[in-house]
Amino acid sequence: MTPVLAASVLLLLVTLGYAGVCAVSPFGNCRKCSGWGFAMKTDRKGRSKRGKDCRRCQATGKRIRIGRHLYNAAARLHHDGTR
């Protein structure tokens, strides 16, 4: 097996795996708040407490995956073009 063929097979497997993840779970955890939906703060005594709501995910703790976003855009474009 040549290195070029092995690399292309590996790339195909990774792509299909990511497409499967996007199909099964289109939303992932927010990278800014780590899926909590808010920032953690500490008071003057050092105890953790809830901070402000995360603005990136609107306090849901979830974000849409890049692959799912691209699929939604392509599906919307196809739907608008075949109307």
N, C-alpha and C. Protein backbone atom coordinates (compact mmCIF):
# COMPACT_ATOMS: atom_id res chain seq x y z
N MET A 1 0.86 -1.18 0.00
CA MET A 1 0.00 0.00 0.00
C MET A 1 0.90 1.24 0.00
N THR A 2 0.70 2.10 -0.95
CA THR A 2 1.54 3.30 -1.05
C THR A 2 1.13 4.30 0.02
N PRO A 3 2.06 5.16 0.41
CA PRO A 3 1.74 6.17 1.44
C PRO A 3 0.61 7.12 1.03
N VAL A 4 0.53 7.44 -0.25
CA VAL A 4 -0.54 8.34 -0.71
C VAL A 4 -1.89 7.66 -0.56
N LEU A 5 -1.97 6.40 -0.91
CA LEU A 5 -3.23 5.67 -0.77
C LEU A 5 -3.61 5.50 0.70
N ALA A 6 -2.62 5.22 1.54
CA ALA A 6 -2.89 5.08 2.97
C ALA A 6 -3.38 6.40 3.57
N ALA A 7 -2.77 7.51 3.16
CA ALA A 7 -3.18 8.81 3.66
C ALA A 7 -4.59 9.16 3.22
N SER A 8 -4.92 8.84 1.97
CA SER A 8 -6.26 9.16 1.49
C SER A 8 -7.32 8.28 2.16
N VAL A 9 -6.99 7.02 2.43
CA VAL A 9 -7.93 6.15 3.14
C VAL A 9 -8.13 6.64 4.57
N LEU A 10 -7.05 7.05 5.22
CA LEU A 10 -7.15 7.58 6.58
C LEU A 10 -7.98 8.86 6.61
N LEU A 11 -7.76 9.74 5.64
CA LEU A 11 -8.54 10.98 5.57
C LEU A 11 -10.02 10.68 5.33
N LEU A 12 -10.31 9.70 4.50
CA LEU A 12 -11.69 9.31 4.25
C LEU A 12 -12.35 8.77 5.52
N LEU A 13 -11.63 7.94 6.27
CA LEU A 13 -12.17 7.40 7.52
C LEU A 13 -12.43 8.48 8.55
N VAL A 14 -11.51 9.43 8.67
CA VAL A 14 -11.69 10.53 9.63
C VAL A 14 -12.89 11.38 9.23
N THR A 15 -13.02 11.67 7.95
CA THR A 15 -14.13 12.48 7.46
C THR A 15 -15.47 11.80 7.70
N LEU A 16 -15.55 10.50 7.39
CA LEU A 16 -16.79 9.77 7.61
C LEU A 16 -17.11 9.65 9.10
N GLY A 17 -16.08 9.50 9.92
CA GLY A 17 -16.29 9.45 11.37
C GLY A 17 -16.86 10.77 11.90
N TYR A 18 -16.29 11.89 11.43
CA TYR A 18 -16.79 13.19 11.88
C TYR A 18 -18.21 13.44 11.36
N ALA A 19 -18.50 13.01 10.15
CA ALA A 19 -19.86 13.16 9.62
C ALA A 19 -20.84 12.34 10.46
N GLY A 20 -20.42 11.16 10.90
CA GLY A 20 -21.27 10.35 11.78
C GLY A 20 -21.50 11.02 13.12
N VAL A 21 -20.47 11.63 13.68
CA VAL A 21 -20.62 12.34 14.95
C VAL A 21 -21.57 13.51 14.79
N CYS A 22 -21.45 14.25 13.69
CA CYS A 22 -22.34 15.40 13.45
C CYS A 22 -23.78 14.94 13.25
N ALA A 23 -23.98 13.78 12.66
CA ALA A 23 -25.34 13.29 12.44
C ALA A 23 -25.97 12.81 13.74
N VAL A 24 -25.19 12.14 14.57
CA VAL A 24 -25.72 11.60 15.82
C VAL A 24 -25.87 12.67 16.89
N SER A 25 -24.85 13.54 17.01
CA SER A 25 -24.87 14.57 18.04
C SER A 25 -24.49 15.91 17.40
N PRO A 26 -25.47 16.66 16.88
CA PRO A 26 -25.14 17.90 16.17
C PRO A 26 -24.65 19.03 17.07
N PHE A 27 -24.85 18.92 18.36
CA PHE A 27 -24.42 19.96 19.28
C PHE A 27 -23.32 19.45 20.18
N GLY A 28 -22.30 20.28 20.40
CA GLY A 28 -21.21 19.96 21.31
C GLY A 28 -21.19 20.96 22.45
N ASN A 29 -20.33 20.75 23.42
CA ASN A 29 -20.22 21.67 24.53
C ASN A 29 -19.60 22.99 24.07
N CYS A 30 -20.04 24.07 24.67
CA CYS A 30 -19.48 25.38 24.38
C CYS A 30 -18.02 25.41 24.84
N ARG A 31 -17.14 25.95 23.99
CA ARG A 31 -15.72 25.97 24.33
C ARG A 31 -15.38 27.07 25.33
N LYS A 32 -16.21 28.08 25.41
CA LYS A 32 -15.91 29.18 26.32
C LYS A 32 -16.26 28.83 27.76
N CYS A 33 -17.42 28.22 27.97
CA CYS A 33 -17.87 27.92 29.33
C CYS A 33 -17.77 26.43 29.67
N SER A 34 -17.23 25.63 28.76
CA SER A 34 -17.06 24.18 28.95
C SER A 34 -18.38 23.46 29.18
N GLY A 35 -19.45 23.97 28.62
CA GLY A 35 -20.74 23.31 28.71
C GLY A 35 -21.53 23.66 29.96
N TRP A 36 -21.04 24.57 30.79
CA TRP A 36 -21.75 24.94 32.01
C TRP A 36 -22.85 25.97 31.74
N GLY A 37 -22.62 26.86 30.79
CA GLY A 37 -23.60 27.90 30.50
C GLY A 37 -23.33 29.19 31.24
N PHE A 38 -22.34 29.17 32.09
CA PHE A 38 -21.97 30.37 32.84
C PHE A 38 -20.51 30.26 33.25
N ALA A 39 -19.94 31.40 33.63
CA ALA A 39 -18.57 31.42 34.09
C ALA A 39 -18.53 31.18 35.60
N MET A 40 -17.47 30.55 36.04
CA MET A 40 -17.29 30.34 37.49
C MET A 40 -16.46 31.49 38.05
N LYS A 41 -16.89 32.01 39.20
CA LYS A 41 -16.16 33.07 39.88
C LYS A 41 -15.86 32.60 41.30
N THR A 42 -14.95 33.26 41.93
CA THR A 42 -14.68 32.97 43.34
C THR A 42 -14.94 34.24 44.14
N ASP A 43 -15.48 34.06 45.33
CA ASP A 43 -15.69 35.23 46.18
C ASP A 43 -14.40 35.53 46.95
N ARG A 44 -14.47 36.46 47.86
CA ARG A 44 -13.25 36.87 48.56
C ARG A 44 -12.71 35.80 49.49
N LYS A 45 -13.55 34.86 49.87
CA LYS A 45 -13.10 33.76 50.72
C LYS A 45 -12.54 32.59 49.92
N GLY A 46 -12.62 32.66 48.59
CA GLY A 46 -12.08 31.61 47.75
C GLY A 46 -13.09 30.55 47.37
N ARG A 47 -14.35 30.71 47.76
CA ARG A 47 -15.38 29.73 47.41
C ARG A 47 -15.87 30.00 45.99
N SER A 48 -16.17 28.92 45.28
CA SER A 48 -16.67 29.06 43.91
C SER A 48 -18.14 29.45 43.94
N LYS A 49 -18.51 30.29 43.01
CA LYS A 49 -19.91 30.64 42.85
C LYS A 49 -20.18 30.92 41.38
N ARG A 50 -21.46 30.94 41.06
CA ARG A 50 -21.86 31.13 39.68
C ARG A 50 -21.60 32.57 39.26
N GLY A 51 -21.05 32.72 38.04
CA GLY A 51 -20.81 34.04 37.49
C GLY A 51 -21.90 34.41 36.49
N LYS A 52 -21.52 35.23 35.54
CA LYS A 52 -22.48 35.69 34.53
C LYS A 52 -22.75 34.60 33.50
N ASP A 53 -23.91 34.71 32.84
CA ASP A 53 -24.26 33.77 31.78
C ASP A 53 -23.29 33.92 30.62
N CYS A 54 -23.04 32.82 29.94
CA CYS A 54 -22.15 32.81 28.79
C CYS A 54 -22.85 33.48 27.61
N ARG A 55 -22.17 34.45 27.00
CA ARG A 55 -22.78 35.16 25.87
C ARG A 55 -22.65 34.39 24.58
N ARG A 56 -21.65 33.53 24.47
CA ARG A 56 -21.44 32.79 23.23
C ARG A 56 -22.55 31.77 22.99
N CYS A 57 -22.96 31.06 24.03
CA CYS A 57 -23.97 30.01 23.85
C CYS A 57 -25.33 30.42 24.43
N GLN A 58 -25.48 31.65 24.87
CA GLN A 58 -26.73 32.16 25.47
C GLN A 58 -27.16 31.30 26.66
N ALA A 59 -26.20 30.88 27.47
CA ALA A 59 -26.41 30.14 28.72
C ALA A 59 -27.01 28.76 28.51
N THR A 60 -26.87 28.19 27.30
CA THR A 60 -27.34 26.83 27.08
C THR A 60 -26.24 25.82 27.34
N GLY A 61 -24.99 26.23 27.18
CA GLY A 61 -23.87 25.32 27.34
C GLY A 61 -23.58 24.50 26.10
N LYS A 62 -24.34 24.71 25.03
CA LYS A 62 -24.18 23.94 23.80
C LYS A 62 -23.86 24.86 22.63
N ARG A 63 -23.18 24.30 21.64
CA ARG A 63 -22.88 25.01 20.39
C ARG A 63 -23.10 24.04 19.25
N ILE A 64 -23.36 24.56 18.06
CA ILE A 64 -23.54 23.70 16.91
C ILE A 64 -22.17 23.35 16.34
N ARG A 65 -21.98 22.11 15.96
CA ARG A 65 -20.70 21.68 15.41
C ARG A 65 -20.49 22.30 14.03
N ILE A 66 -19.23 22.47 13.63
CA ILE A 66 -18.90 23.10 12.36
C ILE A 66 -19.45 22.28 11.19
N GLY A 67 -19.30 20.96 11.27
CA GLY A 67 -19.80 20.11 10.20
C GLY A 67 -21.31 20.18 10.05
N ARG A 68 -22.00 20.26 11.18
CA ARG A 68 -23.47 20.37 11.12
C ARG A 68 -23.88 21.73 10.58
N HIS A 69 -23.13 22.77 10.91
CA HIS A 69 -23.41 24.10 10.39
C HIS A 69 -23.24 24.11 8.87
N LEU A 70 -22.18 23.47 8.36
CA LEU A 70 -21.97 23.40 6.92
C LEU A 70 -23.07 22.59 6.24
N TYR A 71 -23.50 21.49 6.87
CA TYR A 71 -24.59 20.68 6.31
C TYR A 71 -25.88 21.49 6.26
N ASN A 72 -26.19 22.24 7.33
CA ASN A 72 -27.41 23.06 7.35
C ASN A 72 -27.37 24.13 6.26
N ALA A 73 -26.19 24.74 6.06
CA ALA A 73 -26.07 25.77 5.02
C ALA A 73 -26.27 25.16 3.64
N ALA A 74 -25.69 23.98 3.39
CA ALA A 74 -25.84 23.33 2.09
C ALA A 74 -27.29 22.89 1.86
N ALA A 75 -27.93 22.38 2.90
CA ALA A 75 -29.33 21.96 2.77
C ALA A 75 -30.24 23.15 2.52
N ARG A 76 -29.96 24.27 3.18
CA ARG A 76 -30.75 25.48 2.97
C ARG A 76 -30.56 26.01 1.55
N LEU A 77 -29.32 25.98 1.05
CA LEU A 77 -29.05 26.42 -0.31
C LEU A 77 -29.74 25.52 -1.33
N HIS A 78 -29.73 24.23 -1.12
CA HIS A 78 -30.41 23.31 -2.02
C HIS A 78 -31.93 23.52 -1.99
N HIS A 79 -32.45 23.72 -0.78
CA HIS A 79 -33.89 23.92 -0.64
C HIS A 79 -34.31 25.21 -1.34
N ASP A 80 -33.53 26.30 -1.17
CA ASP A 80 -33.89 27.55 -1.81
C ASP A 80 -33.72 27.49 -3.33
N GLY A 81 -32.76 26.69 -3.82
CA GLY A 81 -32.52 26.61 -5.25
C GLY A 81 -33.52 25.73 -5.98
N THR A 82 -34.15 24.80 -5.29
CA THR A 82 -35.08 23.90 -5.95
C THR A 82 -36.55 24.24 -5.65
N ARG A 83 -36.77 25.38 -5.12
CA ARG A 83 -38.11 25.79 -4.80
C ARG A 83 -38.93 26.11 -6.00
